[in-house]
Amino acid sequence: KKNQLLALLSHDLRTPVTSLSFTLELAEEGIINEKEVNQIISNLKRQSFHLSKVLDNTLEWVITEMEGSDSEVLAVNPLVLSEEMVEVMRFQAAQKSQDLVLEFEGNPLV
């Protein structure tokens, strides 16, 4: 479980950190204008919120493991989770001239 968690955590942290690094590089080189900076800041705000949630969840899991407590199972709406993930990746996709489209078939489980 721990190796799987570390792999998942590394992947979840990589995208926002890479985006932040890329954005700072563009800003430093003066490649982006003020309108783009405002869009980027908005995107980074969403990414930082997601990153904070990932870290909070990981810390909670580690504490639970250290205390030997049982984990609490929570229901998750896959549509909401997927929408959050798409928002986090939207700016990077736009930089590569890609468009993200999220399509769901059927009803979410929760």
N, C-alpha and C. Protein backbone atom coordinates (compact mmCIF):
# COMPACT_ATOMS: atom_id res chain seq x y z
N LYS A 1 0.82 -1.20 0.00
CA LYS A 1 0.00 0.00 0.00
C LYS A 1 0.86 1.26 0.00
N LYS A 2 1.92 1.24 0.76
CA LYS A 2 2.74 2.45 0.88
C LYS A 2 3.42 2.80 -0.44
N ASN A 3 3.91 1.80 -1.16
CA ASN A 3 4.53 2.07 -2.45
C ASN A 3 3.52 2.61 -3.45
N GLN A 4 2.32 2.07 -3.42
CA GLN A 4 1.26 2.57 -4.31
C GLN A 4 0.90 4.00 -3.95
N LEU A 5 0.83 4.29 -2.65
CA LEU A 5 0.51 5.64 -2.21
C LEU A 5 1.59 6.62 -2.65
N LEU A 6 2.85 6.23 -2.48
CA LEU A 6 3.94 7.12 -2.89
C LEU A 6 3.92 7.38 -4.39
N ALA A 7 3.64 6.36 -5.16
CA ALA A 7 3.55 6.53 -6.62
C ALA A 7 2.41 7.48 -6.98
N LEU A 8 1.25 7.27 -6.36
CA LEU A 8 0.10 8.12 -6.62
C LEU A 8 0.36 9.56 -6.19
N LEU A 9 0.93 9.71 -5.01
CA LEU A 9 1.23 11.04 -4.49
C LEU A 9 2.22 11.76 -5.39
N SER A 10 3.27 11.07 -5.82
CA SER A 10 4.26 11.68 -6.71
C SER A 10 3.61 12.16 -7.99
N HIS A 11 2.73 11.35 -8.54
CA HIS A 11 2.03 11.74 -9.77
C HIS A 11 1.13 12.94 -9.53
N ASP A 12 0.38 12.94 -8.44
CA ASP A 12 -0.55 14.04 -8.15
C ASP A 12 0.18 15.34 -7.86
N LEU A 13 1.36 15.26 -7.29
CA LEU A 13 2.12 16.47 -6.97
C LEU A 13 2.89 17.00 -8.19
N ARG A 14 3.22 16.11 -9.08
CA ARG A 14 4.05 16.48 -10.23
C ARG A 14 3.38 17.52 -11.13
N THR A 15 2.12 17.33 -11.45
CA THR A 15 1.44 18.23 -12.38
C THR A 15 1.39 19.68 -11.87
N PRO A 16 0.89 19.93 -10.65
CA PRO A 16 0.86 21.33 -10.21
C PRO A 16 2.25 21.95 -10.02
N VAL A 17 3.20 21.17 -9.56
CA VAL A 17 4.55 21.71 -9.36
C VAL A 17 5.19 22.02 -10.71
N THR A 18 5.02 21.16 -11.68
CA THR A 18 5.55 21.40 -13.02
C THR A 18 4.90 22.64 -13.63
N SER A 19 3.59 22.77 -13.45
CA SER A 19 2.87 23.93 -13.98
C SER A 19 3.37 25.23 -13.35
N LEU A 20 3.58 25.20 -12.05
CA LEU A 20 4.08 26.39 -11.36
C LEU A 20 5.47 26.75 -11.87
N SER A 21 6.33 25.76 -12.00
CA SER A 21 7.68 26.00 -12.49
C SER A 21 7.67 26.58 -13.91
N PHE A 22 6.85 25.99 -14.78
CA PHE A 22 6.73 26.44 -16.16
C PHE A 22 6.21 27.88 -16.21
N THR A 23 5.21 28.18 -15.39
CA THR A 23 4.63 29.52 -15.35
C THR A 23 5.65 30.56 -14.89
N LEU A 24 6.38 30.24 -13.85
CA LEU A 24 7.40 31.17 -13.35
C LEU A 24 8.49 31.41 -14.39
N GLU A 25 8.83 30.38 -15.12
CA GLU A 25 9.83 30.53 -16.18
C GLU A 25 9.32 31.47 -17.28
N LEU A 26 8.04 31.29 -17.69
CA LEU A 26 7.45 32.17 -18.71
C LEU A 26 7.40 33.61 -18.23
N ALA A 27 7.00 33.80 -16.98
CA ALA A 27 6.91 35.15 -16.42
C ALA A 27 8.29 35.79 -16.34
N GLU A 28 9.27 35.03 -15.92
CA GLU A 28 10.64 35.54 -15.80
C GLU A 28 11.20 35.98 -17.14
N GLU A 29 10.85 35.27 -18.19
CA GLU A 29 11.34 35.59 -19.53
C GLU A 29 10.50 36.65 -20.22
N GLY A 30 9.41 37.08 -19.58
CA GLY A 30 8.55 38.11 -20.15
C GLY A 30 7.76 37.65 -21.35
N ILE A 31 7.50 36.36 -21.43
CA ILE A 31 6.80 35.79 -22.59
C ILE A 31 5.29 35.96 -22.47
N ILE A 32 4.78 36.11 -21.28
CA ILE A 32 3.33 36.18 -21.08
C ILE A 32 2.91 37.61 -20.75
N ASN A 33 1.72 37.99 -21.24
CA ASN A 33 1.22 39.34 -21.00
C ASN A 33 0.35 39.36 -19.73
N GLU A 34 -0.16 40.55 -19.38
CA GLU A 34 -0.90 40.71 -18.13
C GLU A 34 -2.18 39.87 -18.10
N LYS A 35 -2.90 39.81 -19.22
CA LYS A 35 -4.12 39.00 -19.28
C LYS A 35 -3.80 37.53 -19.02
N GLU A 36 -2.74 37.06 -19.65
CA GLU A 36 -2.33 35.67 -19.46
C GLU A 36 -1.89 35.42 -18.02
N VAL A 37 -1.21 36.40 -17.43
CA VAL A 37 -0.79 36.26 -16.03
C VAL A 37 -2.00 36.09 -15.13
N ASN A 38 -3.05 36.87 -15.38
CA ASN A 38 -4.26 36.76 -14.57
C ASN A 38 -4.91 35.39 -14.72
N GLN A 39 -4.94 34.87 -15.94
CA GLN A 39 -5.49 33.53 -16.17
C GLN A 39 -4.64 32.48 -15.46
N ILE A 40 -3.35 32.64 -15.56
CA ILE A 40 -2.43 31.68 -14.95
C ILE A 40 -2.57 31.70 -13.43
N ILE A 41 -2.67 32.87 -12.86
CA ILE A 41 -2.83 32.97 -11.40
C ILE A 41 -4.11 32.29 -10.96
N SER A 42 -5.17 32.47 -11.71
CA SER A 42 -6.43 31.80 -11.39
C SER A 42 -6.26 30.28 -11.45
N ASN A 43 -5.58 29.82 -12.48
CA ASN A 43 -5.34 28.38 -12.62
C ASN A 43 -4.45 27.87 -11.49
N LEU A 44 -3.41 28.61 -11.16
CA LEU A 44 -2.52 28.19 -10.08
C LEU A 44 -3.23 28.15 -8.74
N LYS A 45 -4.18 29.04 -8.56
CA LYS A 45 -4.98 29.04 -7.32
C LYS A 45 -5.75 27.73 -7.22
N ARG A 46 -6.39 27.31 -8.30
CA ARG A 46 -7.12 26.04 -8.30
C ARG A 46 -6.16 24.87 -8.07
N GLN A 47 -5.02 24.92 -8.72
CA GLN A 47 -4.05 23.85 -8.55
C GLN A 47 -3.53 23.79 -7.12
N SER A 48 -3.30 24.94 -6.52
CA SER A 48 -2.80 24.94 -5.14
C SER A 48 -3.86 24.38 -4.20
N PHE A 49 -5.14 24.65 -4.48
CA PHE A 49 -6.22 24.08 -3.68
C PHE A 49 -6.21 22.56 -3.80
N HIS A 50 -6.07 22.06 -5.03
CA HIS A 50 -6.01 20.62 -5.25
C HIS A 50 -4.78 20.01 -4.56
N LEU A 51 -3.66 20.66 -4.71
CA LEU A 51 -2.43 20.19 -4.10
C LEU A 51 -2.56 20.14 -2.57
N SER A 52 -3.17 21.14 -2.01
CA SER A 52 -3.40 21.17 -0.57
C SER A 52 -4.28 20.00 -0.13
N LYS A 53 -5.32 19.70 -0.92
CA LYS A 53 -6.19 18.57 -0.59
C LYS A 53 -5.43 17.26 -0.65
N VAL A 54 -4.58 17.10 -1.65
CA VAL A 54 -3.78 15.88 -1.78
C VAL A 54 -2.88 15.72 -0.56
N LEU A 55 -2.21 16.81 -0.19
CA LEU A 55 -1.32 16.74 0.96
C LEU A 55 -2.08 16.48 2.26
N ASP A 56 -3.22 17.12 2.43
CA ASP A 56 -4.04 16.89 3.63
C ASP A 56 -4.47 15.43 3.72
N ASN A 57 -4.93 14.88 2.61
CA ASN A 57 -5.37 13.48 2.59
C ASN A 57 -4.21 12.54 2.89
N THR A 58 -3.06 12.84 2.34
CA THR A 58 -1.89 12.00 2.56
C THR A 58 -1.47 12.06 4.03
N LEU A 59 -1.43 13.25 4.59
CA LEU A 59 -1.06 13.40 6.00
C LEU A 59 -2.05 12.66 6.90
N GLU A 60 -3.32 12.77 6.60
CA GLU A 60 -4.34 12.08 7.38
C GLU A 60 -4.14 10.56 7.30
N TRP A 61 -3.83 10.07 6.11
CA TRP A 61 -3.61 8.63 5.94
C TRP A 61 -2.38 8.18 6.72
N VAL A 62 -1.28 8.96 6.65
CA VAL A 62 -0.05 8.60 7.36
C VAL A 62 -0.29 8.57 8.86
N ILE A 63 -0.99 9.54 9.38
CA ILE A 63 -1.30 9.57 10.82
C ILE A 63 -2.13 8.36 11.21
N THR A 64 -3.12 8.04 10.39
CA THR A 64 -3.96 6.87 10.66
C THR A 64 -3.12 5.60 10.68
N GLU A 65 -2.20 5.47 9.72
CA GLU A 65 -1.33 4.30 9.67
C GLU A 65 -0.43 4.22 10.89
N MET A 66 0.10 5.36 11.32
CA MET A 66 1.01 5.38 12.47
C MET A 66 0.29 5.02 13.76
N GLU A 67 -0.96 5.43 13.87
CA GLU A 67 -1.74 5.14 15.07
C GLU A 67 -2.38 3.77 15.02
N GLY A 68 -2.35 3.14 13.87
CA GLY A 68 -2.96 1.82 13.74
C GLY A 68 -4.47 1.87 13.73
N SER A 69 -5.04 3.03 13.46
CA SER A 69 -6.50 3.18 13.43
C SER A 69 -7.06 2.65 12.12
N ASP A 70 -8.36 2.36 12.14
CA ASP A 70 -9.04 1.97 10.92
C ASP A 70 -9.30 3.20 10.07
N SER A 71 -9.20 3.04 8.77
CA SER A 71 -9.48 4.13 7.85
C SER A 71 -10.97 4.35 7.73
N GLU A 72 -11.35 5.58 7.47
CA GLU A 72 -12.75 5.91 7.25
C GLU A 72 -13.00 5.93 5.74
N VAL A 73 -13.98 5.18 5.31
CA VAL A 73 -14.32 5.13 3.89
C VAL A 73 -15.33 6.23 3.61
N LEU A 74 -15.03 7.05 2.62
CA LEU A 74 -15.91 8.15 2.24
C LEU A 74 -16.38 7.96 0.81
N ALA A 75 -17.60 8.37 0.57
CA ALA A 75 -18.14 8.34 -0.79
C ALA A 75 -17.56 9.51 -1.58
N VAL A 76 -17.21 9.26 -2.82
CA VAL A 76 -16.64 10.29 -3.69
C VAL A 76 -17.46 10.34 -4.97
N ASN A 77 -17.81 11.53 -5.39
CA ASN A 77 -18.51 11.69 -6.64
C ASN A 77 -17.47 11.73 -7.76
N PRO A 78 -17.44 10.70 -8.61
CA PRO A 78 -16.41 10.66 -9.66
C PRO A 78 -16.50 11.82 -10.65
N LEU A 79 -17.69 12.35 -10.86
CA LEU A 79 -17.84 13.48 -11.77
C LEU A 79 -17.14 14.72 -11.21
N VAL A 80 -17.38 15.01 -9.93
CA VAL A 80 -16.75 16.17 -9.30
C VAL A 80 -15.24 16.01 -9.28
N LEU A 81 -14.77 14.84 -8.91
CA LEU A 81 -13.34 14.57 -8.87
C LEU A 81 -12.71 14.74 -10.25
N SER A 82 -13.37 14.21 -11.27
CA SER A 82 -12.86 14.32 -12.64
C SER A 82 -12.84 15.76 -13.12
N GLU A 83 -13.86 16.53 -12.78
CA GLU A 83 -13.90 17.94 -13.16
C GLU A 83 -12.75 18.71 -12.52
N GLU A 84 -12.46 18.40 -11.26
CA GLU A 84 -11.34 19.05 -10.58
C GLU A 84 -10.02 18.71 -11.27
N MET A 85 -9.86 17.47 -11.66
CA MET A 85 -8.63 17.05 -12.33
C MET A 85 -8.47 17.73 -13.69
N VAL A 86 -9.56 17.85 -14.42
CA VAL A 86 -9.50 18.52 -15.73
C VAL A 86 -9.12 19.99 -15.55
N GLU A 87 -9.67 20.64 -14.55
CA GLU A 87 -9.34 22.05 -14.30
C GLU A 87 -7.87 22.22 -13.98
N VAL A 88 -7.31 21.29 -13.23
CA VAL A 88 -5.90 21.36 -12.87
C VAL A 88 -5.03 21.25 -14.12
N MET A 89 -5.44 20.43 -15.08
CA MET A 89 -4.62 20.18 -16.27
C MET A 89 -4.94 21.10 -17.44
N ARG A 90 -5.98 21.90 -17.34
CA ARG A 90 -6.44 22.71 -18.47
C ARG A 90 -5.37 23.68 -19.00
N PHE A 91 -4.67 24.37 -18.12
CA PHE A 91 -3.68 25.35 -18.57
C PHE A 91 -2.55 24.67 -19.33
N GLN A 92 -2.04 23.57 -18.79
CA GLN A 92 -0.95 22.87 -19.47
C GLN A 92 -1.40 22.38 -20.85
N ALA A 93 -2.61 21.91 -20.94
CA ALA A 93 -3.13 21.45 -22.23
C ALA A 93 -3.20 22.61 -23.21
N ALA A 94 -3.66 23.75 -22.75
CA ALA A 94 -3.77 24.93 -23.62
C ALA A 94 -2.39 25.36 -24.13
N GLN A 95 -1.37 25.24 -23.30
CA GLN A 95 -0.01 25.59 -23.71
C GLN A 95 0.49 24.68 -24.83
N LYS A 96 -0.09 23.50 -24.92
CA LYS A 96 0.29 22.54 -25.96
C LYS A 96 -0.73 22.52 -27.10
N SER A 97 -1.59 23.54 -27.12
CA SER A 97 -2.67 23.64 -28.12
C SER A 97 -3.59 22.42 -28.09
N GLN A 98 -3.84 21.93 -26.89
CA GLN A 98 -4.73 20.79 -26.72
C GLN A 98 -5.97 21.27 -25.97
N ASP A 99 -7.07 20.60 -26.22
CA ASP A 99 -8.32 20.92 -25.53
C ASP A 99 -8.76 19.68 -24.77
N LEU A 100 -9.13 19.87 -23.54
CA LEU A 100 -9.60 18.75 -22.72
C LEU A 100 -11.12 18.70 -22.75
N VAL A 101 -11.65 17.52 -22.99
CA VAL A 101 -13.09 17.33 -23.01
C VAL A 101 -13.40 16.19 -22.04
N LEU A 102 -14.29 16.48 -21.10
CA LEU A 102 -14.70 15.48 -20.12
C LEU A 102 -16.11 15.01 -20.46
N GLU A 103 -16.24 13.73 -20.74
CA GLU A 103 -17.54 13.17 -21.07
C GLU A 103 -17.84 12.02 -20.12
N PHE A 104 -19.03 12.02 -19.57
CA PHE A 104 -19.48 10.93 -18.71
C PHE A 104 -20.68 10.27 -19.35
N GLU A 105 -20.72 8.97 -19.25
CA GLU A 105 -21.89 8.22 -19.71
C GLU A 105 -22.55 7.60 -18.48
N GLY A 106 -23.85 7.66 -18.44
CA GLY A 106 -24.56 7.07 -17.31
C GLY A 106 -24.60 8.02 -16.13
N ASN A 107 -24.98 7.51 -14.98
CA ASN A 107 -25.07 8.30 -13.76
C ASN A 107 -23.87 8.06 -12.87
N PRO A 108 -23.37 9.13 -12.22
CA PRO A 108 -22.29 8.93 -11.25
C PRO A 108 -22.77 8.00 -10.13
N LEU A 109 -21.82 7.30 -9.55
CA LEU A 109 -22.16 6.34 -8.50
C LEU A 109 -22.65 6.99 -7.22
N VAL A 110 -22.22 8.21 -6.96
CA VAL A 110 -22.56 8.89 -5.72
C VAL A 110 -23.41 10.10 -6.01
